[in-house]
Protein backbone atom coordinates (compact mmCIF):
# COMPACT_ATOMS: atom_id res chain seq x y z
CA MET A 1 130.74 -15.87 85.67
CA ILE A 2 132.07 -15.36 89.48
CA GLU A 3 129.22 -12.49 90.16
CA TRP A 4 126.71 -14.52 88.59
CA VAL A 5 127.47 -17.49 90.16
CA GLU A 6 127.50 -15.76 93.86
CA SER A 7 124.13 -14.02 93.41
CA ALA A 8 122.90 -17.75 92.43
CA SER A 9 124.48 -18.86 95.84
CA ARG A 10 122.58 -16.18 97.68
CA ARG A 11 119.21 -17.74 95.73
CA LEU A 12 120.06 -21.14 96.62
CA THR A 13 120.71 -20.25 100.44
CA GLU A 14 117.57 -21.63 102.08
CA VAL A 15 117.21 -24.44 99.72
CA VAL A 16 120.59 -26.02 98.82
CA ALA A 17 122.77 -27.76 101.01
CA HIS A 18 126.49 -26.72 101.08
CA THR A 19 127.60 -30.29 100.85
CA PRO A 20 130.85 -31.94 102.64
CA LEU A 21 134.19 -31.66 100.88
CA GLN A 22 135.20 -35.29 102.20
CA TYR A 23 138.73 -36.52 102.64
CA SER A 24 138.84 -39.71 101.56
CA GLN A 25 142.07 -41.79 103.35
CA ARG A 26 141.46 -45.06 101.22
CA LEU A 27 141.69 -43.42 97.95
CA SER A 28 144.66 -40.89 99.06
CA GLU A 29 146.57 -43.50 100.10
CA LYS A 30 145.87 -45.56 96.84
CA TYR A 31 146.78 -42.77 94.65
CA ARG A 32 149.45 -41.29 96.71
CA ALA A 33 147.81 -37.76 96.58
CA SER A 34 144.89 -35.62 98.99
CA ILE A 35 141.66 -36.88 97.01
CA TYR A 36 138.82 -35.29 98.30
CA LEU A 37 135.14 -36.11 97.52
CA LYS A 38 132.68 -33.22 96.73
CA ARG A 39 129.13 -35.33 98.06
CA GLU A 40 126.72 -33.93 95.69
CA ASP A 41 125.07 -37.43 96.78
CA LEU A 42 124.17 -35.95 99.79
CA GLN A 43 122.46 -32.75 98.63
CA VAL A 44 118.44 -32.18 99.45
CA VAL A 45 117.54 -34.11 96.29
CA ARG A 46 120.69 -36.47 95.84
CA SER A 47 122.04 -34.71 93.15
CA TYR A 48 123.57 -31.43 92.66
CA LYS A 49 120.56 -30.73 89.62
CA LEU A 50 118.44 -29.16 92.58
CA ARG A 51 120.87 -25.89 91.99
CA GLY A 52 120.65 -25.40 88.61
CA ALA A 53 116.51 -25.87 88.47
CA PHE A 54 115.90 -24.12 91.33
CA ASN A 55 118.33 -20.89 90.06
CA LYS A 56 116.48 -21.23 86.75
CA ILE A 57 112.77 -21.23 88.22
CA SER A 58 113.12 -18.71 91.27
CA LEU A 59 114.31 -15.79 88.51
CA LEU A 60 110.90 -16.27 86.35
CA SER A 61 108.33 -13.76 86.16
CA GLU A 62 104.97 -13.94 88.04
CA ALA A 63 103.51 -14.12 84.43
CA ASP A 64 105.55 -17.13 83.63
CA ARG A 65 105.19 -18.85 86.84
CA LYS A 66 101.46 -18.65 86.76
CA LYS A 67 101.87 -20.88 83.12
CA GLY A 68 104.04 -23.27 84.76
CA VAL A 69 107.05 -25.05 83.37
CA VAL A 70 108.20 -28.34 81.33
CA CYS A 71 111.27 -29.84 81.91
CA ALA A 72 113.06 -33.43 80.26
CA SER A 73 115.26 -35.43 82.25
CA ALA A 74 116.52 -38.87 82.93
CA GLY A 75 115.84 -38.42 86.44
CA ASN A 76 118.05 -35.91 88.55
CA HIS A 77 117.21 -32.73 86.94
CA ALA A 78 113.43 -33.80 87.13
CA GLN A 79 113.83 -33.89 90.93
CA GLY A 80 115.11 -30.91 91.13
CA VAL A 81 112.59 -29.26 89.00
CA ALA A 82 110.02 -31.12 90.86
CA PHE A 83 111.33 -29.68 94.52
CA SER A 84 111.46 -26.44 92.85
CA CYS A 85 107.85 -26.72 91.73
CA LYS A 86 106.69 -27.42 95.14
CA ARG A 87 108.79 -24.90 96.96
CA LEU A 88 107.42 -22.24 94.79
CA GLY A 89 104.20 -23.59 94.02
CA ILE A 90 104.51 -23.70 90.68
CA ARG A 91 102.85 -26.41 87.75
CA GLY A 92 105.03 -28.48 86.44
CA VAL A 93 105.53 -31.31 83.55
CA ILE A 94 108.42 -33.53 83.43
CA PHE A 95 109.05 -35.90 80.73
CA MET A 96 111.11 -38.75 81.40
CA PRO A 97 112.39 -41.68 78.73
CA GLU A 98 110.67 -44.71 79.76
CA PRO A 99 113.68 -46.96 80.79
CA THR A 100 113.97 -44.33 83.66
CA PRO A 101 114.46 -46.38 86.88
CA ARG A 102 111.29 -46.84 88.91
CA GLN A 103 113.01 -44.93 92.07
CA LYS A 104 113.82 -41.92 90.42
CA ILE A 105 110.46 -41.93 89.40
CA SER A 106 108.90 -42.62 92.36
CA GLN A 107 111.65 -39.68 93.96
CA THR A 108 110.24 -37.15 91.43
CA GLU A 109 106.63 -37.89 92.21
CA MET A 110 107.42 -37.57 96.22
CA PHE A 111 109.28 -34.05 95.77
CA GLY A 112 106.90 -33.00 93.67
CA GLN A 113 103.84 -33.50 96.03
CA GLY A 114 101.12 -33.00 93.50
CA TYR A 115 102.36 -29.79 91.95
CA ILE A 116 103.49 -31.92 89.04
CA GLU A 117 102.84 -34.35 86.40
CA ILE A 118 105.32 -37.40 84.86
CA VAL A 119 105.19 -38.16 81.34
CA LEU A 120 107.28 -41.22 80.21
CA THR A 121 108.28 -40.60 76.76
CA GLY A 122 111.05 -42.05 74.41
CA ASP A 123 113.92 -44.56 74.87
CA THR A 124 116.70 -41.61 75.79
CA PHE A 125 116.83 -38.07 76.77
CA ASP A 126 117.17 -36.66 73.83
CA ASP A 127 113.82 -38.34 72.73
CA CYS A 128 111.59 -37.48 75.49
CA GLN A 129 113.47 -34.00 75.22
CA ARG A 130 111.55 -33.23 71.78
CA ALA A 131 108.40 -34.18 73.29
CA ALA A 132 109.01 -31.54 76.21
CA LEU A 133 110.15 -29.18 74.13
CA ALA A 134 106.85 -29.64 71.63
CA TYR A 135 104.69 -29.73 74.61
CA ALA A 136 105.93 -26.34 76.29
CA ASN A 137 105.99 -24.58 72.82
CA GLY A 138 102.07 -25.84 72.49
CA HIS A 139 101.15 -24.94 76.08
CA ASP A 140 102.88 -21.76 76.17
CA MET A 141 104.94 -22.93 79.15
CA THR A 142 108.91 -22.35 79.88
CA PHE A 143 111.49 -25.00 78.57
CA VAL A 144 113.67 -25.43 81.86
CA HIS A 145 116.46 -26.92 80.32
CA PRO A 146 118.68 -29.58 82.25
CA PHE A 147 122.14 -27.97 81.40
CA ASP A 148 122.02 -25.93 78.20
CA ASP A 149 120.73 -22.62 79.64
CA PRO A 150 122.68 -19.76 81.38
CA ALA A 151 120.64 -19.80 84.53
CA ILE A 152 121.23 -23.58 85.12
CA ILE A 153 124.97 -23.41 84.44
CA GLU A 154 125.17 -20.37 86.97
CA GLY A 155 123.43 -22.46 89.57
CA GLN A 156 125.55 -25.86 88.80
CA GLY A 157 128.42 -23.34 89.32
CA THR A 158 127.97 -23.12 93.10
CA VAL A 159 129.40 -26.91 93.22
CA GLY A 160 132.85 -25.04 92.10
CA MET A 161 132.64 -22.20 94.59
CA GLU A 162 131.96 -24.37 97.51
CA ILE A 163 134.53 -26.39 96.56
CA LEU A 164 137.19 -23.45 96.70
CA GLN A 165 135.53 -22.58 99.93
CA ASP A 166 136.20 -25.56 101.95
CA GLN A 167 139.83 -26.17 100.30
CA PRO A 168 141.46 -23.20 98.71
CA GLU A 169 144.58 -25.40 97.78
CA THR A 170 142.53 -27.61 95.30
CA ASP A 171 144.99 -28.10 92.16
CA LEU A 172 142.74 -30.50 90.07
CA VAL A 173 138.80 -31.24 89.76
CA ILE A 174 137.41 -34.34 88.20
CA ILE A 175 133.81 -33.56 86.82
CA PRO A 176 131.49 -35.87 85.34
CA ILE A 177 129.89 -34.77 82.07
CA GLY A 178 126.64 -35.92 80.73
CA GLY A 179 125.45 -32.10 79.13
CA GLY A 180 128.08 -30.48 80.32
CA GLY A 181 125.99 -27.84 82.53
CA LEU A 182 127.82 -28.80 85.82
CA ALA A 183 131.44 -29.06 83.95
CA ALA A 184 130.23 -25.40 82.28
CA GLY A 185 129.35 -23.44 85.53
CA ALA A 186 131.75 -25.43 88.16
CA GLY A 187 134.78 -25.36 85.74
CA THR A 188 134.42 -21.70 84.75
CA TYR A 189 133.90 -20.59 88.07
CA LEU A 190 136.87 -22.35 89.07
CA LYS A 191 138.95 -21.14 86.05
CA GLU A 192 138.06 -17.53 86.61
CA LYS A 193 138.53 -18.00 90.48
CA LYS A 194 141.84 -19.84 90.51
CA PRO A 195 143.49 -19.67 86.83
CA GLY A 196 146.22 -22.45 87.86
CA ILE A 197 143.78 -25.24 88.76
CA ARG A 198 143.51 -27.91 85.97
CA ILE A 199 139.60 -29.10 85.16
CA TYR A 200 139.31 -32.65 84.23
CA GLY A 201 136.22 -33.73 82.16
CA VAL A 202 135.01 -37.70 82.51
CA GLU A 203 131.86 -39.11 80.30
CA PRO A 204 130.97 -42.72 80.02
CA GLU A 205 132.32 -44.65 77.03
CA GLY A 206 129.23 -45.53 75.42
CA ALA A 207 128.15 -41.97 75.36
CA PRO A 208 131.06 -39.59 74.43
CA SER A 209 129.05 -36.84 73.34
CA MET A 210 131.63 -33.96 74.70
CA LYS A 211 134.85 -35.67 73.57
CA THR A 212 133.33 -36.24 70.20
CA ALA A 213 132.15 -32.58 69.86
CA LEU A 214 135.59 -31.43 70.91
CA GLU A 215 137.44 -33.83 68.49
CA HIS A 216 134.57 -32.13 65.68
CA GLY A 217 134.86 -28.52 66.77
CA GLY A 218 131.17 -28.78 67.51
CA PRO A 219 128.14 -30.45 69.54
CA VAL A 220 127.43 -33.57 67.03
CA THR A 221 124.29 -35.66 67.33
CA LEU A 222 125.83 -39.44 67.89
CA ALA A 223 123.77 -42.20 66.26
CA GLU A 224 123.60 -44.46 69.14
CA ILE A 225 124.60 -44.12 73.19
CA ASN A 226 124.59 -46.84 75.75
CA ARG A 227 121.86 -45.77 78.51
CA PHE A 228 123.53 -47.51 80.98
CA VAL A 229 125.07 -44.48 82.71
CA ASP A 230 121.28 -42.84 82.77
CA GLY A 231 122.29 -39.50 84.26
CA ALA A 232 125.13 -38.70 81.53
CA ALA A 233 124.10 -40.53 78.62
CA VAL A 234 123.16 -37.90 76.24
CA LYS A 235 123.36 -38.00 72.41
CA ARG A 236 124.02 -34.15 71.71
CA ILE A 237 126.02 -32.19 74.42
CA GLY A 238 124.52 -28.41 74.77
CA ASP A 239 125.73 -25.84 72.44
CA LEU A 240 126.00 -23.22 74.85
CA THR A 241 128.01 -25.83 77.31
CA TYR A 242 130.15 -26.73 74.76
CA GLN A 243 131.43 -23.34 74.26
CA TYR A 244 132.15 -23.40 77.69
CA CYS A 245 133.90 -26.33 78.13
CA SER A 246 136.02 -26.23 74.68
CA LYS A 247 137.72 -23.67 76.61
CA LEU A 248 138.42 -24.76 80.03
CA LEU A 249 138.69 -28.74 80.03
CA ASP A 250 142.46 -29.02 80.52
CA ASP A 251 141.71 -32.72 79.51
CA MET A 252 138.47 -35.18 78.29
CA HIS A 253 138.35 -38.78 79.08
CA LEU A 254 136.04 -41.68 78.62
CA ILE A 255 135.39 -44.15 81.38
CA PRO A 256 133.92 -47.66 80.62
CA GLU A 257 131.15 -48.52 82.01
CA GLY A 258 132.35 -51.74 83.39
CA LYS A 259 135.22 -49.88 85.55
CA ILE A 260 132.12 -47.36 86.75
CA CYS A 261 130.58 -50.47 87.92
CA THR A 262 133.43 -51.67 89.67
CA THR A 263 133.66 -48.11 91.34
CA ILE A 264 130.08 -47.88 92.61
CA LEU A 265 130.89 -51.41 94.30
CA GLU A 266 133.95 -50.07 96.01
CA LEU A 267 132.32 -47.01 97.07
CA TYR A 268 129.41 -48.80 98.55
CA ASN A 269 131.10 -51.71 100.06
CA LYS A 270 134.11 -49.60 101.39
CA ASP A 271 133.36 -46.23 101.94
CA ALA A 272 129.10 -46.73 102.90
CA ILE A 273 128.93 -44.22 99.63
CA VAL A 274 125.37 -44.87 97.26
CA ALA A 275 126.76 -43.29 94.26
CA GLU A 276 124.47 -43.78 90.92
CA PRO A 277 126.51 -44.51 87.70
CA ALA A 278 127.11 -40.94 86.54
CA GLY A 279 128.01 -40.15 90.41
CA ALA A 280 130.96 -42.80 90.28
CA LEU A 281 132.32 -41.36 86.89
CA ALA A 282 134.99 -39.23 88.49
CA VAL A 283 136.19 -41.50 91.31
CA ALA A 284 136.23 -44.01 88.39
CA ALA A 285 138.70 -41.65 86.17
CA LEU A 286 141.39 -41.77 89.07
CA ASP A 287 143.27 -45.15 87.83
CA PHE A 288 143.51 -43.46 84.38
CA TYR A 289 144.86 -40.39 85.78
CA ALA A 290 147.08 -42.11 88.47
CA ASP A 291 150.65 -40.81 87.18
CA GLN A 292 149.68 -37.34 86.89
CA ILE A 293 147.82 -36.66 90.64
CA ILE A 294 150.52 -37.76 92.72
CA GLY A 295 151.21 -35.35 95.41
CA LYS A 296 148.12 -33.22 94.27
CA ASN A 297 145.15 -32.03 96.19
CA VAL A 298 142.34 -33.72 93.82
CA VAL A 299 138.62 -32.88 94.04
CA CYS A 300 136.17 -36.10 92.72
CA ILE A 301 133.04 -34.68 92.36
CA ILE A 302 130.43 -37.34 93.12
CA SER A 303 127.38 -36.02 91.34
CA GLY A 304 124.45 -38.14 92.26
CA GLY A 305 123.37 -40.80 94.59
CA ASN A 306 119.82 -42.25 92.78
CA ASN A 307 120.91 -45.81 92.42
CA ASP A 308 118.32 -47.98 92.28
CA ILE A 309 118.75 -51.21 94.17
CA ASP A 310 117.06 -53.27 91.62
CA ARG A 311 120.16 -52.57 89.28
CA MET A 312 122.78 -54.07 91.49
CA GLY A 313 122.55 -57.23 90.02
CA GLU A 314 123.42 -55.69 86.31
CA ILE A 315 126.15 -53.17 87.99
CA LYS A 316 127.96 -56.49 89.63
CA GLU A 317 127.82 -58.22 86.55
CA LEU A 318 129.14 -55.97 84.28
CA SER A 319 131.94 -55.07 87.06
CA LEU A 320 133.18 -58.71 87.08
CA LEU A 321 132.91 -58.78 82.83
CA TYR A 322 135.13 -55.54 82.91
CA GLU A 323 137.48 -56.75 85.76
CA GLY A 324 138.11 -60.46 83.71
CA LEU A 325 136.21 -62.41 86.72
CA LYS A 326 132.97 -63.33 84.62
CA HIS A 327 133.27 -65.69 81.64
CA TYR A 328 131.12 -66.44 78.94
CA PHE A 329 131.50 -70.11 76.74
CA ILE A 330 129.42 -71.95 74.10
CA VAL A 331 130.69 -75.72 75.07
CA ARG A 332 130.22 -78.72 72.73
CA PHE A 333 130.60 -81.34 75.12
CA PRO A 334 132.27 -84.57 73.91
CA GLN A 335 129.82 -87.22 73.14
CA ARG A 336 131.23 -89.72 75.82
CA PRO A 337 129.80 -90.63 79.54
CA GLY A 338 130.88 -88.29 82.02
CA ALA A 339 131.76 -85.55 80.02
CA LEU A 340 130.19 -83.18 82.22
CA LYS A 341 131.87 -84.78 85.34
CA LEU A 342 135.23 -84.00 83.59
CA PHE A 343 134.35 -80.74 83.13
CA VAL A 344 133.50 -80.13 86.44
CA ASN A 345 136.19 -82.07 88.52
CA GLU A 346 139.36 -81.43 85.80
CA VAL A 347 138.60 -78.47 83.59
CA LEU A 348 137.31 -75.97 86.30
CA GLY A 349 139.73 -74.30 88.83
CA PRO A 350 139.56 -75.02 92.75
CA HIS A 351 138.40 -71.64 92.87
CA ASP A 352 136.33 -71.28 89.72
CA ASP A 353 132.40 -71.44 90.01
CA ILE A 354 129.69 -71.95 87.28
CA THR A 355 127.22 -69.05 87.63
CA ARG A 356 125.12 -70.19 84.69
CA PHE A 357 124.62 -73.37 82.84
CA GLU A 358 121.72 -74.26 80.26
CA PHE A 359 121.75 -76.21 77.25
CA ILE A 360 120.40 -74.91 73.74
CA LYS A 361 118.25 -77.20 72.37
CA LYS A 362 118.50 -78.68 68.76
CA THR A 363 115.51 -80.48 68.59
CA GLN A 364 112.55 -81.77 70.90
CA ARG A 365 114.81 -84.54 72.04
CA GLU A 366 118.15 -83.46 71.00
CA ARG A 367 120.29 -81.08 72.88
CA GLY A 368 122.86 -78.95 71.58
CA PRO A 369 125.78 -77.10 73.33
CA ALA A 370 125.43 -75.51 76.70
CA LEU A 371 126.07 -71.81 77.31
CA VAL A 372 128.33 -71.99 80.55
CA GLY A 373 129.17 -68.85 82.60
CA VAL A 374 132.23 -69.28 84.94
CA GLU A 375 133.20 -66.65 88.03
CA LEU A 376 136.92 -66.78 88.33
CA GLN A 377 138.67 -65.78 91.85
CA ASN A 378 141.68 -63.99 89.95
CA ALA A 379 141.42 -62.69 86.41
CA SER A 380 144.69 -64.38 85.81
CA ASP A 381 143.15 -67.90 85.88
CA TYR A 382 141.72 -67.61 82.49
CA THR A 383 144.36 -68.82 80.55
CA ALA A 384 144.60 -71.83 82.72
CA LEU A 385 141.10 -72.49 82.62
CA VAL A 386 140.82 -72.16 78.42
CA ASP A 387 144.11 -74.57 78.23
CA ARG A 388 142.25 -77.07 80.27
CA MET A 389 139.42 -77.08 78.19
CA ARG A 390 141.58 -77.82 74.81
CA THR A 391 143.64 -80.42 76.82
CA HIS A 392 140.47 -82.52 77.80
CA ARG A 393 138.97 -81.70 74.16
CA PHE A 394 136.18 -79.42 74.79
CA ASP A 395 135.09 -77.79 71.82
CA PHE A 396 133.95 -74.25 72.58
CA LYS A 397 133.40 -70.31 71.86
CA GLU A 398 134.27 -67.53 73.58
CA VAL A 399 131.18 -65.54 74.11
CA ASN A 400 133.01 -62.38 75.73
CA SER A 401 135.02 -61.50 72.74
CA ASP A 402 131.67 -61.41 70.22
CA GLN A 403 129.92 -58.63 71.06
CA THR A 404 126.61 -59.77 68.90
CA LEU A 405 126.58 -62.99 70.35
CA PHE A 406 126.97 -62.01 73.94
CA GLU A 407 124.48 -59.16 73.25
CA TYR A 408 121.97 -61.80 71.97
CA LEU A 409 122.78 -64.90 74.60
CA ILE A 410 123.37 -63.22 77.85
């Protein structure tokens, strides 16, 4: 792998930026370790995906270049392919899931500059990949897989090469996993170059394709996934990437989506780093490895920064829920005068805020219970809030603890 990655690096020299390996004073002090951030969010297309895409497409024969390429992507691979098509003068057709953030679609169009066509189809990456493969076969075009391809893996391996060039004393690298191309490429290079290094893989809790594959001894197609971490939400890990990752990963951990959101906000507010959900995965994992990394040189790969500003409201909401600062209740107010005033003045704590209040209508004239959203200053205030509702005889149901009800109402 070392020789192949170094060859890929030479092909990428004039196209891909050697991104900074940035020492984080804040995180290093917090975790009593030397924490470095591999800033792939500062890549030309704001993610590492350009590395694999350009490496793959640049290796095509002249005949295959003339036929054009097809890819399926939730956004970042699409931008890498679009950039490569423009740079090499190749026609490309890019399939993207319909829920793809508009920001990623616009960026893909910008990088392609007339050389690419975008087709939105399906709810997930796996849906649009089926459509893309059918199109590529039907039009005799080359399918550029986002992760399960040797040339893609070798291109992503250049991330690992740069890490060791900048910090040869690296002890541990935390790598976000979606399809597994980055972990397979960078992880294999790192292990071959420095056998004692440890590689930890992390993926979102709602899309555990690699962890499930490792538990079952091979790739498994998940029935359902949470699409929130769109850059790492795939139903099935790659066959080739699994072969690599099953041998090189020293640990695999799932990160709750709410924790990822908290990390996105912290990176933005404290470090002025714009990370997309998949890009924040590695940093979000630090809390789960806090005891293991003390005194070590740790690299977290921030894999991408293509975050749509329109998603920030949802990101803040999920963060507050995860941190125990946002709670929803269905409240039946006592049928007595001043009940609402009592709730505001006596039930809510001095630092509690009502963020949502709406009555659920029973009939045209009669109001039913109310849906009430409360934001706390400290998670520890929750028990006292609930106790005061009981003391003042408010009949209530906690919505947060009922996933079906939460999804229906919130």
